[in-house]
């Protein structure tokens, strides 16, 4: 029996799922925690057979509360293995992903947290790690939570968690992943990117992206305030002009900038209330 399986815990954020069916569909091969936002509150566990042979333990936390940040925080609070790995319910992990993740940590004691390659569905490509490198302030903003693994005790010692303001089910759309890595860097964690492939994303309709609308740019402004502070507007302007051929088909660049600036102002107001 491979002890690596029991050193790693997969933390899944799911919505209205059949947890036992989901564990099979995702090819979960480690002990796991599935936080299932399904309108009720309870906790139970079941035995999941990997390849119909080897048992692992899955804890299902049913929650009536909404928001991907909230569900990830519930899983993080209950995580108790040497390593943890964040996951989404639309990711399928490859055979042996536990060995791959743990081998990277064992080979790189300098890494407190590692992001891995997960092949994204068509139209959602944001990153691919071509070499092992450190994630710093200039390159942390493109990684998805479902690619992140960490040394559990070190992450918990920082008290960093996921924002309840951003992501699916939250007031403002995506960005909780970037803000989480921002806060981990600020807390002094050493984060690296690995070239190891651990899974792929199933194609499905986005839970938050509805095009380059007023809300998209406003919400991006709120996020930029929390990520970049006083540099939020200049970096937002650069972001819009760099991608203007894609972004500005229905809204003018000037309107996009104004919406983003309004979002930055909203972020400043929120900061005062936190």
C-alpha atoms as a PDB file:
ATOM      1  CA  UNK A   1       0.000   0.000   0.000  1.00  0.00           C
ATOM      2  CA  UNK A   2       1.337   3.407  -1.032  1.00  0.00           C
ATOM      3  CA  UNK A   3       1.636   5.604   2.051  1.00  0.00           C
ATOM      4  CA  UNK A   4       1.826   8.684  -0.170  1.00  0.00           C
ATOM      5  CA  UNK A   5      -1.907   8.394  -0.684  1.00  0.00           C
ATOM      6  CA  UNK A   6      -2.458   9.079   3.000  1.00  0.00           C
ATOM      7  CA  UNK A   7      -0.018  12.003   3.249  1.00  0.00           C
ATOM      8  CA  UNK A   8      -2.181  14.110   0.916  1.00  0.00           C
ATOM      9  CA  UNK A   9      -5.757  15.281   1.342  1.00  0.00           C
ATOM     10  CA  UNK A  10      -7.782  16.562  -1.631  1.00  0.00           C
ATOM     11  CA  UNK A  11     -10.090  19.469  -0.711  1.00  0.00           C
ATOM     12  CA  UNK A  12     -13.036  19.742  -3.108  1.00  0.00           C
ATOM     13  CA  UNK A  13     -15.438  22.670  -3.527  1.00  0.00           C
ATOM     14  CA  UNK A  14     -18.721  21.411  -5.012  1.00  0.00           C
ATOM     15  CA  UNK A  15     -22.327  22.526  -5.540  1.00  0.00           C
ATOM     16  CA  UNK A  16     -25.356  20.210  -5.308  1.00  0.00           C
ATOM     17  CA  UNK A  17     -23.221  17.129  -5.869  1.00  0.00           C
ATOM     18  CA  UNK A  18     -23.638  13.422  -5.244  1.00  0.00           C
ATOM     19  CA  UNK A  19     -20.408  13.142  -3.267  1.00  0.00           C
ATOM     20  CA  UNK A  20     -19.801   9.443  -3.865  1.00  0.00           C
ATOM     21  CA  UNK A  21     -20.397   9.770  -7.605  1.00  0.00           C
ATOM     22  CA  UNK A  22     -18.237  12.903  -7.693  1.00  0.00           C
ATOM     23  CA  UNK A  23     -15.280  11.142  -6.050  1.00  0.00           C
ATOM     24  CA  UNK A  24     -15.358   8.606  -8.872  1.00  0.00           C
ATOM     25  CA  UNK A  25     -15.824  11.169 -11.656  1.00  0.00           C
ATOM     26  CA  UNK A  26     -12.897  13.272 -10.400  1.00  0.00           C
ATOM     27  CA  UNK A  27     -10.715  10.166  -9.988  1.00  0.00           C
ATOM     28  CA  UNK A  28      -9.957  11.071  -6.384  1.00  0.00           C
ATOM     29  CA  UNK A  29      -7.139   8.817  -5.165  1.00  0.00           C
ATOM     30  CA  UNK A  30      -6.417  10.276  -1.720  1.00  0.00           C
ATOM     31  CA  UNK A  31      -8.271  10.938   1.474  1.00  0.00           C
ATOM     32  CA  UNK A  32     -10.515  13.901   0.734  1.00  0.00           C
ATOM     33  CA  UNK A  33     -12.895  16.525   2.065  1.00  0.00           C
ATOM     34  CA  UNK A  34     -15.813  17.473  -0.171  1.00  0.00           C
ATOM     35  CA  UNK A  35     -17.656  20.634   0.844  1.00  0.00           C
ATOM     36  CA  UNK A  36     -21.024  20.356  -0.866  1.00  0.00           C
ATOM     37  CA  UNK A  37     -23.097  23.552  -1.040  1.00  0.00           C
ATOM     38  CA  UNK A  38     -26.494  21.917  -1.225  1.00  0.00           C
ATOM     39  CA  UNK A  39     -28.893  23.772   1.076  1.00  0.00           C
ATOM     40  CA  UNK A  40     -28.467  21.709   4.240  1.00  0.00           C
ATOM     41  CA  UNK A  41     -25.903  21.392   7.022  1.00  0.00           C
ATOM     42  CA  UNK A  42     -24.312  18.115   8.104  1.00  0.00           C
ATOM     43  CA  UNK A  43     -21.066  16.148   8.120  1.00  0.00           C
ATOM     44  CA  UNK A  44     -20.572  12.504   7.231  1.00  0.00           C
ATOM     45  CA  UNK A  45     -17.881  10.259   5.785  1.00  0.00           C
ATOM     46  CA  UNK A  46     -17.686   7.318   3.448  1.00  0.00           C
ATOM     47  CA  UNK A  47     -15.116   4.931   2.034  1.00  0.00           C
ATOM     48  CA  UNK A  48     -14.176   5.502  -1.600  1.00  0.00           C
ATOM     49  CA  UNK A  49     -12.489   2.685  -3.509  1.00  0.00           C
ATOM     50  CA  UNK A  50      -9.697   3.842  -5.808  1.00  0.00           C
ATOM     51  CA  UNK A  51      -9.876   1.769  -9.014  1.00  0.00           C
ATOM     52  CA  UNK A  52     -12.333  -0.456  -7.132  1.00  0.00           C
ATOM     53  CA  UNK A  53      -9.463  -1.788  -5.006  1.00  0.00           C
ATOM     54  CA  UNK A  54      -7.881   0.572  -2.507  1.00  0.00           C
ATOM     55  CA  UNK A  55     -10.009   2.431   0.079  1.00  0.00           C
ATOM     56  CA  UNK A  56      -9.604   6.094   0.977  1.00  0.00           C
ATOM     57  CA  UNK A  57     -11.679   8.120   3.404  1.00  0.00           C
ATOM     58  CA  UNK A  58     -13.881  10.949   2.148  1.00  0.00           C
ATOM     59  CA  UNK A  59     -15.494  13.448   4.510  1.00  0.00           C
ATOM     60  CA  UNK A  60     -18.550  15.208   3.080  1.00  0.00           C
ATOM     61  CA  UNK A  61     -19.478  18.536   4.639  1.00  0.00           C
ATOM     62  CA  UNK A  62     -22.914  19.635   3.472  1.00  0.00           C
ATOM     63  CA  UNK A  63     -23.430  23.374   3.751  1.00  0.00           C
ATOM     64  CA  UNK A  64     -26.343  25.753   3.263  1.00  0.00           C
ATOM     65  CA  UNK A  65     -23.933  28.691   2.935  1.00  0.00           C
ATOM     66  CA  UNK A  66     -22.917  29.888  -0.517  1.00  0.00           C
ATOM     67  CA  UNK A  67     -19.629  30.999  -2.015  1.00  0.00           C
ATOM     68  CA  UNK A  68     -16.535  29.179  -3.255  1.00  0.00           C
ATOM     69  CA  UNK A  69     -14.313  31.000  -0.759  1.00  0.00           C
ATOM     70  CA  UNK A  70     -16.504  29.883   2.106  1.00  0.00           C
ATOM     71  CA  UNK A  71     -16.438  26.254   0.963  1.00  0.00           C
ATOM     72  CA  UNK A  72     -12.658  26.244   0.518  1.00  0.00           C
ATOM     73  CA  UNK A  73     -12.244  27.719   4.000  1.00  0.00           C
ATOM     74  CA  UNK A  74     -14.453  25.012   5.510  1.00  0.00           C
ATOM     75  CA  UNK A  75     -12.295  22.347   3.869  1.00  0.00           C
ATOM     76  CA  UNK A  76      -9.085  24.074   4.965  1.00  0.00           C
ATOM     77  CA  UNK A  77     -10.285  24.298   8.566  1.00  0.00           C
ATOM     78  CA  UNK A  78     -10.896  20.537   8.623  1.00  0.00           C
ATOM     79  CA  UNK A  79      -7.742  19.492   6.725  1.00  0.00           C
ATOM     80  CA  UNK A  80      -5.423  17.356   8.861  1.00  0.00           C
ATOM     81  CA  UNK A  81      -2.935  15.595   6.551  1.00  0.00           C
ATOM     82  CA  UNK A  82       0.690  16.495   5.875  1.00  0.00           C
ATOM     83  CA  UNK A  83      -0.212  18.010   2.508  1.00  0.00           C
ATOM     84  CA  UNK A  84      -3.419  19.436   1.087  1.00  0.00           C
ATOM     85  CA  UNK A  85      -4.537  20.035  -2.457  1.00  0.00           C
ATOM     86  CA  UNK A  86      -7.412  22.334  -3.465  1.00  0.00           C
ATOM     87  CA  UNK A  87      -9.769  20.959  -6.109  1.00  0.00           C
ATOM     88  CA  UNK A  88     -12.915  21.882  -8.047  1.00  0.00           C
ATOM     89  CA  UNK A  89     -15.746  19.553  -8.987  1.00  0.00           C
ATOM     90  CA  UNK A  90     -15.101  19.953 -12.731  1.00  0.00           C
ATOM     91  CA  UNK A  91     -11.488  18.723 -12.600  1.00  0.00           C
ATOM     92  CA  UNK A  92     -10.465  15.152 -13.399  1.00  0.00           C
ATOM     93  CA  UNK A  93      -7.157  14.150 -11.822  1.00  0.00           C
ATOM     94  CA  UNK A  94      -4.757  11.714 -13.454  1.00  0.00           C
ATOM     95  CA  UNK A  95      -3.801   8.340 -12.017  1.00  0.00           C
ATOM     96  CA  UNK A  96      -0.946   8.759  -9.563  1.00  0.00           C
ATOM     97  CA  UNK A  97      -1.486  12.477  -8.967  1.00  0.00           C
ATOM     98  CA  UNK A  98      -0.848  12.007  -5.241  1.00  0.00           C
ATOM     99  CA  UNK A  99       2.584  10.501  -5.881  1.00  0.00           C
ATOM    100  CA  UNK A 100       3.383  13.310  -8.321  1.00  0.00           C
ATOM    101  CA  UNK A 101       2.413  16.076  -5.898  1.00  0.00           C
ATOM    102  CA  UNK A 102       4.219  14.569  -2.929  1.00  0.00           C
ATOM    103  CA  UNK A 103       7.337  13.791  -4.990  1.00  0.00           C
ATOM    104  CA  UNK A 104       7.609  17.488  -5.866  1.00  0.00           C
ATOM    105  CA  UNK A 105       7.387  18.533  -2.226  1.00  0.00           C
ATOM    106  CA  UNK A 106       9.900  15.876  -1.163  1.00  0.00           C
ATOM    107  CA  UNK A 107      12.277  17.010  -3.918  1.00  0.00           C
ATOM    108  CA  UNK A 108      11.855  20.691  -3.056  1.00  0.00           C
ATOM    109  CA  UNK A 109      11.977  21.314   0.704  1.00  0.00           C
ATOM    110  CA  UNK A 110      12.223  25.037  -0.049  1.00  0.00           C
ATOM    111  CA  UNK A 111       8.611  25.037  -1.309  1.00  0.00           C
ATOM    112  CA  UNK A 112       5.784  25.721   1.134  1.00  0.00           C
ATOM    113  CA  UNK A 113       3.245  25.740  -1.680  1.00  0.00           C
ATOM    114  CA  UNK A 114       3.371  24.518  -5.291  1.00  0.00           C
ATOM    115  CA  UNK A 115       1.112  25.158  -8.282  1.00  0.00           C
ATOM    116  CA  UNK A 116       0.825  22.332 -10.802  1.00  0.00           C
ATOM    117  CA  UNK A 117      -0.286  22.088 -14.424  1.00  0.00           C
ATOM    118  CA  UNK A 118      -3.973  21.391 -14.969  1.00  0.00           C
ATOM    119  CA  UNK A 119      -5.056  21.401 -18.617  1.00  0.00           C
ATOM    120  CA  UNK A 120      -7.870  23.894 -19.030  1.00  0.00           C
ATOM    121  CA  UNK A 121     -10.860  23.565 -21.328  1.00  0.00           C
ATOM    122  CA  UNK A 122     -11.047  25.415 -24.641  1.00  0.00           C
ATOM    123  CA  UNK A 123     -11.366  29.166 -24.232  1.00  0.00           C
ATOM    124  CA  UNK A 124     -10.158  29.198 -20.625  1.00  0.00           C
ATOM    125  CA  UNK A 125      -6.393  28.926 -21.077  1.00  0.00           C
ATOM    126  CA  UNK A 126      -4.575  31.173 -18.599  1.00  0.00           C
ATOM    127  CA  UNK A 127      -1.248  29.508 -17.807  1.00  0.00           C
ATOM    128  CA  UNK A 128       1.081  26.576 -18.342  1.00  0.00           C
ATOM    129  CA  UNK A 129       4.238  26.029 -16.306  1.00  0.00           C
ATOM    130  CA  UNK A 130       7.142  25.328 -18.635  1.00  0.00           C
ATOM    131  CA  UNK A 131       9.795  25.279 -15.911  1.00  0.00           C
ATOM    132  CA  UNK A 132      10.141  25.059 -12.144  1.00  0.00           C
ATOM    133  CA  UNK A 133      10.313  28.615 -10.837  1.00  0.00           C
ATOM    134  CA  UNK A 134       9.416  30.707  -7.844  1.00  0.00           C
ATOM    135  CA  UNK A 135       6.158  32.622  -7.808  1.00  0.00           C
ATOM    136  CA  UNK A 136       6.718  36.223  -6.777  1.00  0.00           C
ATOM    137  CA  UNK A 137       4.884  39.544  -6.848  1.00  0.00           C
ATOM    138  CA  UNK A 138       5.286  39.889 -10.609  1.00  0.00           C
ATOM    139  CA  UNK A 139       3.718  36.555 -11.618  1.00  0.00           C
ATOM    140  CA  UNK A 140       1.251  35.310  -8.983  1.00  0.00           C
ATOM    141  CA  UNK A 141      -1.969  36.500 -10.623  1.00  0.00           C
ATOM    142  CA  UNK A 142      -2.735  33.744 -13.125  1.00  0.00           C
ATOM    143  CA  UNK A 143      -3.018  30.509 -11.158  1.00  0.00           C
ATOM    144  CA  UNK A 144      -6.247  28.700 -10.321  1.00  0.00           C
ATOM    145  CA  UNK A 145      -6.931  27.303  -6.856  1.00  0.00           C
ATOM    146  CA  UNK A 146      -7.483  23.802  -8.280  1.00  0.00           C
ATOM    147  CA  UNK A 147      -3.780  23.693  -9.202  1.00  0.00           C
ATOM    148  CA  UNK A 148      -2.504  24.638  -5.721  1.00  0.00           C
ATOM    149  CA  UNK A 149      -1.067  22.231  -3.134  1.00  0.00           C
ATOM    150  CA  UNK A 150       0.558  23.148   0.188  1.00  0.00           C
ATOM    151  CA  UNK A 151       2.178  21.918   3.360  1.00  0.00           C
ATOM    152  CA  UNK A 152      -0.865  21.941   5.611  1.00  0.00           C
ATOM    153  CA  UNK A 153       0.745  22.994   8.891  1.00  0.00           C
ATOM    154  CA  UNK A 154       2.639  25.867   7.273  1.00  0.00           C
ATOM    155  CA  UNK A 155      -0.417  27.210   5.481  1.00  0.00           C
ATOM    156  CA  UNK A 156      -2.559  26.968   8.606  1.00  0.00           C
ATOM    157  CA  UNK A 157       0.105  28.716  10.687  1.00  0.00           C
ATOM    158  CA  UNK A 158      -0.322  31.851   8.547  1.00  0.00           C
ATOM    159  CA  UNK A 159      -4.105  32.043   9.166  1.00  0.00           C
ATOM    160  CA  UNK A 160      -4.486  32.985   5.474  1.00  0.00           C
ATOM    161  CA  UNK A 161      -7.815  31.928   3.989  1.00  0.00           C
ATOM    162  CA  UNK A 162      -9.939  32.638   0.923  1.00  0.00           C
ATOM    163  CA  UNK A 163     -11.818  35.915   0.552  1.00  0.00           C
ATOM    164  CA  UNK A 164     -15.611  35.749   0.830  1.00  0.00           C
ATOM    165  CA  UNK A 165     -15.953  38.724  -1.525  1.00  0.00           C
ATOM    166  CA  UNK A 166     -14.819  37.087  -4.779  1.00  0.00           C
ATOM    167  CA  UNK A 167     -15.620  33.995  -6.835  1.00  0.00           C
ATOM    168  CA  UNK A 168     -18.697  31.898  -7.536  1.00  0.00           C
ATOM    169  CA  UNK A 169     -21.549  32.651  -5.130  1.00  0.00           C
ATOM    170  CA  UNK A 170     -19.823  35.815  -3.829  1.00  0.00           C
ATOM    171  CA  UNK A 171     -20.697  39.492  -4.467  1.00  0.00           C
ATOM    172  CA  UNK A 172     -17.853  40.024  -6.929  1.00  0.00           C
ATOM    173  CA  UNK A 173     -16.744  37.674  -9.691  1.00  0.00           C
ATOM    174  CA  UNK A 174     -13.517  35.677 -10.002  1.00  0.00           C
ATOM    175  CA  UNK A 175     -10.271  36.613  -8.330  1.00  0.00           C
ATOM    176  CA  UNK A 176     -10.265  34.711  -5.055  1.00  0.00           C
ATOM    177  CA  UNK A 177      -7.388  32.534  -6.312  1.00  0.00           C
ATOM    178  CA  UNK A 178      -5.110  35.507  -7.030  1.00  0.00           C
ATOM    179  CA  UNK A 179      -6.002  37.192  -3.758  1.00  0.00           C
ATOM    180  CA  UNK A 180      -5.259  33.976  -1.866  1.00  0.00           C
ATOM    181  CA  UNK A 181      -1.781  33.721  -3.416  1.00  0.00           C
ATOM    182  CA  UNK A 182      -1.255  37.462  -2.769  1.00  0.00           C
ATOM    183  CA  UNK A 183      -2.009  36.934   0.916  1.00  0.00           C
ATOM    184  CA  UNK A 184       0.193  33.822   1.076  1.00  0.00           C
ATOM    185  CA  UNK A 185       3.125  35.793  -0.354  1.00  0.00           C
ATOM    186  CA  UNK A 186       2.439  38.601   2.086  1.00  0.00           C
ATOM    187  CA  UNK A 187       2.480  36.052   4.915  1.00  0.00           C
ATOM    188  CA  UNK A 188       5.961  34.917   3.843  1.00  0.00           C
ATOM    189  CA  UNK A 189       5.169  31.562   2.230  1.00  0.00           C
ATOM    190  CA  UNK A 190       7.573  30.347  -0.470  1.00  0.00           C
ATOM    191  CA  UNK A 191       5.534  29.433  -3.558  1.00  0.00           C
ATOM    192  CA  UNK A 192       6.805  27.616  -6.648  1.00  0.00           C
ATOM    193  CA  UNK A 193       5.391  26.408  -9.964  1.00  0.00           C
ATOM    194  CA  UNK A 194       5.918  22.849 -11.179  1.00  0.00           C
ATOM    195  CA  UNK A 195       5.872  21.446 -14.702  1.00  0.00           C
ATOM    196  CA  UNK A 196       4.093  18.303 -13.463  1.00  0.00           C
ATOM    197  CA  UNK A 197       0.657  17.655 -14.998  1.00  0.00           C
ATOM    198  CA  UNK A 198      -1.944  16.431 -12.526  1.00  0.00           C
ATOM    199  CA  UNK A 199      -5.281  16.678 -14.322  1.00  0.00           C
ATOM    200  CA  UNK A 200      -7.619  18.392 -16.750  1.00  0.00           C
ATOM    201  CA  UNK A 201     -10.704  20.566 -16.630  1.00  0.00           C
ATOM    202  CA  UNK A 202     -14.017  19.306 -18.017  1.00  0.00           C
ATOM    203  CA  UNK A 203     -15.735  21.738 -20.349  1.00  0.00           C
ATOM    204  CA  UNK A 204     -18.776  23.442 -18.866  1.00  0.00           C
ATOM    205  CA  UNK A 205     -20.441  26.856 -18.747  1.00  0.00           C
ATOM    206  CA  UNK A 206     -18.627  29.322 -16.515  1.00  0.00           C
ATOM    207  CA  UNK A 207     -20.313  30.002 -13.198  1.00  0.00           C
ATOM    208  CA  UNK A 208     -19.333  33.675 -13.326  1.00  0.00           C
ATOM    209  CA  UNK A 209     -18.172  34.863 -16.772  1.00  0.00           C
ATOM    210  CA  UNK A 210     -20.949  36.380 -18.882  1.00  0.00           C
ATOM    211  CA  UNK A 211     -18.796  38.393 -21.257  1.00  0.00           C
ATOM    212  CA  UNK A 212     -16.966  41.695 -21.000  1.00  0.00           C
ATOM    213  CA  UNK A 213     -19.849  43.504 -19.366  1.00  0.00           C
ATOM    214  CA  UNK A 214     -20.101  46.482 -17.011  1.00  0.00           C
ATOM    215  CA  UNK A 215     -19.957  44.066 -14.086  1.00  0.00           C
ATOM    216  CA  UNK A 216     -16.798  42.390 -15.395  1.00  0.00           C
ATOM    217  CA  UNK A 217     -14.817  45.642 -15.383  1.00  0.00           C
ATOM    218  CA  UNK A 218     -16.350  46.970 -12.152  1.00  0.00           C
ATOM    219  CA  UNK A 219     -15.593  43.729 -10.310  1.00  0.00           C
ATOM    220  CA  UNK A 220     -12.076  43.700 -11.746  1.00  0.00           C
ATOM    221  CA  UNK A 221     -11.583  47.167 -10.268  1.00  0.00           C
ATOM    222  CA  UNK A 222     -12.675  45.959  -6.813  1.00  0.00           C
ATOM    223  CA  UNK A 223     -10.226  43.057  -7.074  1.00  0.00           C
ATOM    224  CA  UNK A 224      -7.382  45.289  -8.285  1.00  0.00           C
ATOM    225  CA  UNK A 225      -7.754  47.476  -5.204  1.00  0.00           C
ATOM    226  CA  UNK A 226      -7.157  44.471  -2.945  1.00  0.00           C
ATOM    227  CA  UNK A 227      -4.305  43.181  -5.091  1.00  0.00           C
ATOM    228  CA  UNK A 228      -2.457  46.366  -5.953  1.00  0.00           C
ATOM    229  CA  UNK A 229      -3.561  49.166  -3.624  1.00  0.00           C
ATOM    230  CA  UNK A 230      -2.459  52.589  -4.908  1.00  0.00           C
ATOM    231  CA  UNK A 231      -1.328  51.057  -8.210  1.00  0.00           C
ATOM    232  CA  UNK A 232      -4.773  49.592  -8.945  1.00  0.00           C
ATOM    233  CA  UNK A 233      -5.916  52.178 -11.492  1.00  0.00           C
ATOM    234  CA  UNK A 234      -2.620  52.419 -13.464  1.00  0.00           C
ATOM    235  CA  UNK A 235      -2.337  48.637 -13.634  1.00  0.00           C
ATOM    236  CA  UNK A 236      -6.018  48.387 -14.549  1.00  0.00           C
ATOM    237  CA  UNK A 237      -5.534  50.819 -17.432  1.00  0.00           C
ATOM    238  CA  UNK A 238      -2.554  48.793 -18.651  1.00  0.00           C
ATOM    239  CA  UNK A 239      -4.622  45.584 -18.394  1.00  0.00           C
ATOM    240  CA  UNK A 240      -7.451  47.048 -20.467  1.00  0.00           C
ATOM    241  CA  UNK A 241      -5.234  48.531 -23.175  1.00  0.00           C
ATOM    242  CA  UNK A 242      -3.148  45.360 -23.427  1.00  0.00           C
ATOM    243  CA  UNK A 243      -6.327  43.355 -24.112  1.00  0.00           C
ATOM    244  CA  UNK A 244      -8.428  46.067 -25.790  1.00  0.00           C
ATOM    245  CA  UNK A 245      -9.007  44.109 -29.029  1.00  0.00           C
ATOM    246  CA  UNK A 246     -10.684  41.367 -26.999  1.00  0.00           C
ATOM    247  CA  UNK A 247     -12.287  43.517 -24.294  1.00  0.00           C
ATOM    248  CA  UNK A 248     -13.579  46.522 -26.215  1.00  0.00           C
ATOM    249  CA  UNK A 249     -15.896  45.082 -28.846  1.00  0.00           C
ATOM    250  CA  UNK A 250     -19.071  46.404 -27.172  1.00  0.00           C
ATOM    251  CA  UNK A 251     -17.747  48.905 -24.627  1.00  0.00           C
ATOM    252  CA  UNK A 252     -15.238  51.637 -25.413  1.00  0.00           C
ATOM    253  CA  UNK A 253     -11.851  51.525 -23.710  1.00  0.00           C
ATOM    254  CA  UNK A 254     -12.713  54.771 -21.896  1.00  0.00           C
ATOM    255  CA  UNK A 255     -15.927  53.280 -20.487  1.00  0.00           C
ATOM    256  CA  UNK A 256     -14.073  50.133 -19.421  1.00  0.00           C
ATOM    257  CA  UNK A 257     -11.527  52.273 -17.566  1.00  0.00           C
ATOM    258  CA  UNK A 258     -14.258  54.317 -15.884  1.00  0.00           C
ATOM    259  CA  UNK A 259     -16.027  51.153 -14.734  1.00  0.00           C
ATOM    260  CA  UNK A 260     -12.766  49.739 -13.398  1.00  0.00           C
ATOM    261  CA  UNK A 261     -12.014  53.002 -11.575  1.00  0.00           C
ATOM    262  CA  UNK A 262     -15.475  52.900  -9.962  1.00  0.00           C
ATOM    263  CA  UNK A 263     -14.695  49.352  -8.829  1.00  0.00           C
ATOM    264  CA  UNK A 264     -11.392  50.501  -7.305  1.00  0.00           C
ATOM    265  CA  UNK A 265     -13.311  53.178  -5.373  1.00  0.00           C
ATOM    266  CA  UNK A 266     -15.726  50.486  -4.156  1.00  0.00           C
ATOM    267  CA  UNK A 267     -12.779  48.370  -3.046  1.00  0.00           C
ATOM    268  CA  UNK A 268     -11.402  51.264  -1.013  1.00  0.00           C
ATOM    269  CA  UNK A 269     -14.775  51.691   0.675  1.00  0.00           C
ATOM    270  CA  UNK A 270     -14.957  47.978   1.461  1.00  0.00           C
ATOM    271  CA  UNK A 271     -11.450  48.038   2.958  1.00  0.00           C
ATOM    272  CA  UNK A 272     -12.543  50.635   5.480  1.00  0.00           C
ATOM    273  CA  UNK A 273     -15.391  48.395   6.618  1.00  0.00           C
ATOM    274  CA  UNK A 274     -13.293  45.221   6.995  1.00  0.00           C
END
